[in-house]
Amino acid sequence: MVDNYSIHKAKQVERWLAQHQQIELVYLPTYCPRANPIERAFGDVHDKCTRNHKRKRLRNLVADVVEHFRVNGPWQYKLSDFYYEPAVTEIVEQMAVDKRLKPAA
């Protein structure tokens, strides 16, 4: 699953994916931080470290972020319940069916 950052749709990425058909990118909705664990991690870092900080040196702010991840770890973020909604599962399964039925270009 990827966000809609333009690099994910670059011609070089499309060529690579065409050569590696066992990999399929599933795009998240245009703006859906609830469904994107990295957005949740970024939001947490912003809330705990970078919002309204009083650091005068960037290296100290970076050290705060590093310490936050050391203590809290990025892997404590569970997937949003969004991923387990039956409607989402149905859409993902339908996308797989549609891709199999789509004639090769």
N, C-alpha and C. Protein backbone atom coordinates (compact mmCIF):
# COMPACT_ATOMS: atom_id res chain seq x y z
N MET A 1 0.85 -1.16 0.00
CA MET A 1 0.00 0.00 0.00
C MET A 1 0.90 1.22 0.00
N VAL A 2 0.56 2.16 -0.88
CA VAL A 2 1.36 3.38 -0.99
C VAL A 2 0.43 4.58 -1.00
N ASP A 3 1.00 5.73 -0.65
CA ASP A 3 0.21 6.95 -0.75
C ASP A 3 0.29 7.45 -2.19
N ASN A 4 -0.26 8.60 -2.44
CA ASN A 4 -0.33 9.11 -3.81
C ASN A 4 0.82 10.04 -4.17
N TYR A 5 1.94 9.88 -3.49
CA TYR A 5 3.13 10.66 -3.82
C TYR A 5 3.49 10.38 -5.28
N SER A 6 3.77 11.42 -6.05
CA SER A 6 3.94 11.27 -7.50
C SER A 6 5.03 10.29 -7.89
N ILE A 7 6.04 10.12 -7.06
CA ILE A 7 7.12 9.19 -7.41
C ILE A 7 6.62 7.75 -7.52
N HIS A 8 5.56 7.42 -6.81
CA HIS A 8 5.02 6.06 -6.90
C HIS A 8 4.38 5.78 -8.25
N LYS A 9 4.10 6.86 -9.01
CA LYS A 9 3.47 6.71 -10.32
C LYS A 9 4.43 7.08 -11.45
N ALA A 10 5.71 7.21 -11.15
CA ALA A 10 6.71 7.59 -12.14
C ALA A 10 6.85 6.52 -13.20
N LYS A 11 7.24 6.92 -14.39
CA LYS A 11 7.39 5.97 -15.52
C LYS A 11 8.36 4.85 -15.17
N GLN A 12 9.45 5.17 -14.50
CA GLN A 12 10.44 4.15 -14.15
C GLN A 12 9.83 3.13 -13.19
N VAL A 13 9.02 3.58 -12.26
CA VAL A 13 8.34 2.67 -11.33
C VAL A 13 7.35 1.80 -12.10
N GLU A 14 6.60 2.41 -13.02
CA GLU A 14 5.65 1.65 -13.83
C GLU A 14 6.36 0.58 -14.65
N ARG A 15 7.52 0.93 -15.23
CA ARG A 15 8.29 -0.07 -16.00
C ARG A 15 8.76 -1.22 -15.10
N TRP A 16 9.24 -0.86 -13.90
CA TRP A 16 9.72 -1.88 -12.98
C TRP A 16 8.57 -2.81 -12.58
N LEU A 17 7.41 -2.23 -12.28
CA LEU A 17 6.25 -3.03 -11.89
C LEU A 17 5.80 -3.93 -13.03
N ALA A 18 5.91 -3.45 -14.27
CA ALA A 18 5.55 -4.28 -15.43
C ALA A 18 6.45 -5.50 -15.52
N GLN A 19 7.70 -5.37 -15.09
CA GLN A 19 8.65 -6.49 -15.11
C GLN A 19 8.52 -7.40 -13.88
N HIS A 20 7.83 -6.94 -12.88
CA HIS A 20 7.66 -7.69 -11.63
C HIS A 20 6.17 -7.78 -11.31
N GLN A 21 5.46 -8.52 -12.11
CA GLN A 21 4.00 -8.54 -12.02
C GLN A 21 3.46 -9.20 -10.76
N GLN A 22 4.33 -9.84 -9.98
CA GLN A 22 3.87 -10.42 -8.73
C GLN A 22 3.66 -9.34 -7.67
N ILE A 23 4.11 -8.13 -7.97
CA ILE A 23 3.96 -7.01 -7.04
C ILE A 23 2.89 -6.06 -7.58
N GLU A 24 1.96 -5.71 -6.73
CA GLU A 24 0.91 -4.78 -7.11
C GLU A 24 0.84 -3.67 -6.07
N LEU A 25 0.87 -2.44 -6.54
CA LEU A 25 0.72 -1.31 -5.64
C LEU A 25 -0.76 -1.04 -5.44
N VAL A 26 -1.16 -0.88 -4.21
CA VAL A 26 -2.53 -0.49 -3.88
C VAL A 26 -2.44 0.91 -3.31
N TYR A 27 -3.09 1.85 -3.96
CA TYR A 27 -3.02 3.25 -3.55
C TYR A 27 -4.04 3.55 -2.48
N LEU A 28 -3.58 4.24 -1.44
CA LEU A 28 -4.47 4.72 -0.41
C LEU A 28 -5.30 5.87 -0.97
N PRO A 29 -6.42 6.17 -0.38
CA PRO A 29 -7.17 7.35 -0.82
C PRO A 29 -6.28 8.59 -0.75
N THR A 30 -6.61 9.61 -1.52
CA THR A 30 -5.77 10.80 -1.64
C THR A 30 -5.32 11.34 -0.29
N TYR A 31 -6.21 11.50 0.64
CA TYR A 31 -5.81 11.95 1.97
C TYR A 31 -6.54 11.08 2.97
N CYS A 32 -5.80 10.17 3.58
CA CYS A 32 -6.43 9.24 4.49
C CYS A 32 -5.44 8.85 5.59
N PRO A 33 -5.09 9.79 6.48
CA PRO A 33 -4.10 9.46 7.50
C PRO A 33 -4.53 8.35 8.44
N ARG A 34 -5.84 8.14 8.63
CA ARG A 34 -6.28 7.04 9.49
C ARG A 34 -5.85 5.69 8.93
N ALA A 35 -5.75 5.60 7.60
CA ALA A 35 -5.43 4.32 6.98
C ALA A 35 -3.93 4.15 6.74
N ASN A 36 -3.15 5.16 6.99
CA ASN A 36 -1.73 5.11 6.68
C ASN A 36 -0.92 5.16 7.97
N PRO A 37 -0.35 4.02 8.38
CA PRO A 37 0.39 3.98 9.65
C PRO A 37 1.55 4.98 9.71
N ILE A 38 2.21 5.26 8.58
CA ILE A 38 3.32 6.21 8.64
C ILE A 38 2.82 7.61 8.95
N GLU A 39 1.63 7.96 8.45
CA GLU A 39 1.06 9.27 8.79
C GLU A 39 0.77 9.36 10.29
N ARG A 40 0.34 8.25 10.86
CA ARG A 40 0.10 8.23 12.30
C ARG A 40 1.40 8.41 13.07
N ALA A 41 2.47 7.77 12.60
CA ALA A 41 3.77 7.91 13.26
C ALA A 41 4.28 9.34 13.13
N PHE A 42 4.16 9.93 11.92
CA PHE A 42 4.59 11.32 11.73
C PHE A 42 3.80 12.25 12.63
N GLY A 43 2.49 12.03 12.72
CA GLY A 43 1.64 12.87 13.56
C GLY A 43 2.04 12.78 15.02
N ASP A 44 2.37 11.57 15.46
CA ASP A 44 2.80 11.37 16.84
C ASP A 44 4.11 12.11 17.12
N VAL A 45 5.07 11.99 16.20
CA VAL A 45 6.35 12.70 16.37
C VAL A 45 6.10 14.21 16.41
N HIS A 46 5.23 14.67 15.54
CA HIS A 46 4.94 16.11 15.53
C HIS A 46 4.32 16.54 16.86
N ASP A 47 3.36 15.75 17.34
CA ASP A 47 2.71 16.09 18.62
C ASP A 47 3.69 16.06 19.79
N LYS A 48 4.57 15.07 19.81
CA LYS A 48 5.44 14.86 20.97
C LYS A 48 6.78 15.59 20.90
N CYS A 49 7.25 15.90 19.67
CA CYS A 49 8.61 16.43 19.55
C CYS A 49 8.73 17.77 18.82
N THR A 50 8.08 17.91 17.71
CA THR A 50 8.37 19.08 16.87
C THR A 50 7.38 20.23 17.00
N ARG A 51 6.16 19.97 17.44
CA ARG A 51 5.18 21.05 17.58
C ARG A 51 5.57 21.93 18.77
N ASN A 52 5.68 23.21 18.53
CA ASN A 52 5.97 24.19 19.58
C ASN A 52 7.26 23.89 20.36
N HIS A 53 8.23 23.29 19.69
CA HIS A 53 9.48 22.98 20.39
C HIS A 53 10.24 24.26 20.70
N LYS A 54 11.15 24.17 21.66
CA LYS A 54 11.93 25.33 22.08
C LYS A 54 13.42 25.15 21.74
N ARG A 55 13.72 24.13 20.96
CA ARG A 55 15.12 23.85 20.60
C ARG A 55 15.69 24.96 19.73
N LYS A 56 16.96 25.33 19.99
CA LYS A 56 17.61 26.35 19.17
C LYS A 56 18.49 25.72 18.10
N ARG A 57 18.81 24.47 18.28
CA ARG A 57 19.68 23.78 17.32
C ARG A 57 18.94 22.56 16.74
N LEU A 58 19.06 22.43 15.43
CA LEU A 58 18.39 21.33 14.75
C LEU A 58 18.87 19.97 15.27
N ARG A 59 20.16 19.86 15.57
CA ARG A 59 20.67 18.57 16.04
C ARG A 59 19.99 18.15 17.35
N ASN A 60 19.62 19.10 18.19
CA ASN A 60 18.92 18.77 19.43
C ASN A 60 17.49 18.31 19.16
N LEU A 61 16.85 18.95 18.20
CA LEU A 61 15.50 18.53 17.81
C LEU A 61 15.53 17.13 17.20
N VAL A 62 16.51 16.88 16.35
CA VAL A 62 16.66 15.55 15.76
C VAL A 62 16.91 14.52 16.86
N ALA A 63 17.72 14.86 17.83
CA ALA A 63 17.99 13.95 18.95
C ALA A 63 16.70 13.65 19.73
N ASP A 64 15.82 14.64 19.86
CA ASP A 64 14.53 14.40 20.51
C ASP A 64 13.71 13.36 19.74
N VAL A 65 13.69 13.50 18.41
CA VAL A 65 12.93 12.56 17.58
C VAL A 65 13.53 11.16 17.67
N VAL A 66 14.85 11.07 17.60
CA VAL A 66 15.52 9.77 17.70
C VAL A 66 15.20 9.12 19.05
N GLU A 67 15.25 9.90 20.11
CA GLU A 67 14.94 9.37 21.44
C GLU A 67 13.47 8.93 21.53
N HIS A 68 12.59 9.71 20.93
CA HIS A 68 11.17 9.34 20.92
C HIS A 68 10.99 7.97 20.27
N PHE A 69 11.62 7.76 19.12
CA PHE A 69 11.49 6.45 18.45
C PHE A 69 12.19 5.35 19.22
N ARG A 70 13.30 5.67 19.89
CA ARG A 70 13.99 4.65 20.68
C ARG A 70 13.07 4.17 21.80
N VAL A 71 12.41 5.10 22.46
CA VAL A 71 11.55 4.77 23.59
C VAL A 71 10.22 4.17 23.13
N ASN A 72 9.60 4.78 22.14
CA ASN A 72 8.25 4.38 21.73
C ASN A 72 8.23 3.42 20.54
N GLY A 73 9.27 3.47 19.75
CA GLY A 73 9.38 2.57 18.60
C GLY A 73 8.28 2.77 17.58
N PRO A 74 8.64 2.81 16.31
CA PRO A 74 7.64 2.98 15.26
C PRO A 74 6.76 1.75 15.09
N TRP A 75 7.15 0.63 15.66
CA TRP A 75 6.39 -0.60 15.41
C TRP A 75 5.26 -0.80 16.42
N GLN A 76 5.06 0.15 17.32
CA GLN A 76 3.95 0.04 18.24
C GLN A 76 2.65 0.56 17.64
N TYR A 77 2.72 1.09 16.41
CA TYR A 77 1.52 1.62 15.78
C TYR A 77 0.74 0.49 15.13
N LYS A 78 -0.42 0.22 15.67
CA LYS A 78 -1.24 -0.83 15.07
C LYS A 78 -1.95 -0.25 13.85
N LEU A 79 -2.28 -1.13 12.93
CA LEU A 79 -3.02 -0.68 11.76
C LEU A 79 -4.37 -0.12 12.18
N SER A 80 -4.81 0.88 11.47
CA SER A 80 -6.11 1.46 11.73
C SER A 80 -7.20 0.42 11.48
N ASP A 81 -8.29 0.53 12.21
CA ASP A 81 -9.42 -0.36 11.98
C ASP A 81 -9.93 -0.26 10.55
N PHE A 82 -9.59 0.84 9.89
CA PHE A 82 -9.96 1.04 8.49
C PHE A 82 -9.58 -0.17 7.65
N TYR A 83 -8.42 -0.77 7.93
CA TYR A 83 -7.94 -1.91 7.14
C TYR A 83 -8.83 -3.13 7.28
N TYR A 84 -9.59 -3.21 8.34
CA TYR A 84 -10.36 -4.41 8.62
C TYR A 84 -11.84 -4.24 8.31
N GLU A 85 -12.21 -3.10 7.74
CA GLU A 85 -13.59 -2.87 7.36
C GLU A 85 -13.95 -3.80 6.20
N PRO A 86 -15.09 -4.48 6.26
CA PRO A 86 -15.50 -5.36 5.16
C PRO A 86 -15.53 -4.64 3.81
N ALA A 87 -15.94 -3.40 3.78
CA ALA A 87 -16.01 -2.66 2.52
C ALA A 87 -14.62 -2.51 1.89
N VAL A 88 -13.61 -2.28 2.73
CA VAL A 88 -12.25 -2.13 2.22
C VAL A 88 -11.76 -3.47 1.68
N THR A 89 -12.00 -4.54 2.41
CA THR A 89 -11.61 -5.87 1.94
C THR A 89 -12.27 -6.18 0.60
N GLU A 90 -13.53 -5.85 0.50
CA GLU A 90 -14.28 -6.11 -0.74
C GLU A 90 -13.68 -5.32 -1.91
N ILE A 91 -13.33 -4.07 -1.68
CA ILE A 91 -12.74 -3.24 -2.74
C ILE A 91 -11.40 -3.81 -3.18
N VAL A 92 -10.55 -4.19 -2.23
CA VAL A 92 -9.24 -4.74 -2.56
C VAL A 92 -9.40 -6.04 -3.35
N GLU A 93 -10.31 -6.90 -2.93
CA GLU A 93 -10.54 -8.15 -3.66
C GLU A 93 -11.07 -7.87 -5.06
N GLN A 94 -11.96 -6.88 -5.20
CA GLN A 94 -12.50 -6.54 -6.52
C GLN A 94 -11.39 -5.99 -7.42
N MET A 95 -10.49 -5.22 -6.85
CA MET A 95 -9.37 -4.70 -7.64
C MET A 95 -8.52 -5.85 -8.19
N ALA A 96 -8.30 -6.87 -7.37
CA ALA A 96 -7.52 -8.03 -7.82
C ALA A 96 -8.24 -8.74 -8.95
N VAL A 97 -9.57 -8.91 -8.84
CA VAL A 97 -10.34 -9.55 -9.90
C VAL A 97 -10.28 -8.71 -11.17
N ASP A 98 -10.48 -7.42 -11.05
CA ASP A 98 -10.44 -6.53 -12.20
C ASP A 98 -9.10 -6.59 -12.91
N LYS A 99 -8.03 -6.64 -12.13
CA LYS A 99 -6.69 -6.70 -12.73
C LYS A 99 -6.50 -7.99 -13.50
N ARG A 100 -7.00 -9.11 -12.96
CA ARG A 100 -6.86 -10.39 -13.67
C ARG A 100 -7.68 -10.40 -14.96
N LEU A 101 -8.80 -9.72 -14.98
CA LEU A 101 -9.67 -9.70 -16.15
C LEU A 101 -9.23 -8.68 -17.20
N LYS A 102 -8.41 -7.72 -16.79
CA LYS A 102 -7.96 -6.67 -17.70
C LYS A 102 -7.00 -7.23 -18.73
N PRO A 103 -7.24 -6.98 -20.04
CA PRO A 103 -6.33 -7.50 -21.06
C PRO A 103 -4.97 -6.82 -20.96
N ALA A 104 -3.92 -7.57 -21.27
CA ALA A 104 -2.57 -7.04 -21.21
C ALA A 104 -2.39 -5.92 -22.24
N ALA A 105 -1.70 -4.87 -21.83
CA ALA A 105 -1.51 -3.73 -22.74
C ALA A 105 -0.34 -3.94 -23.66
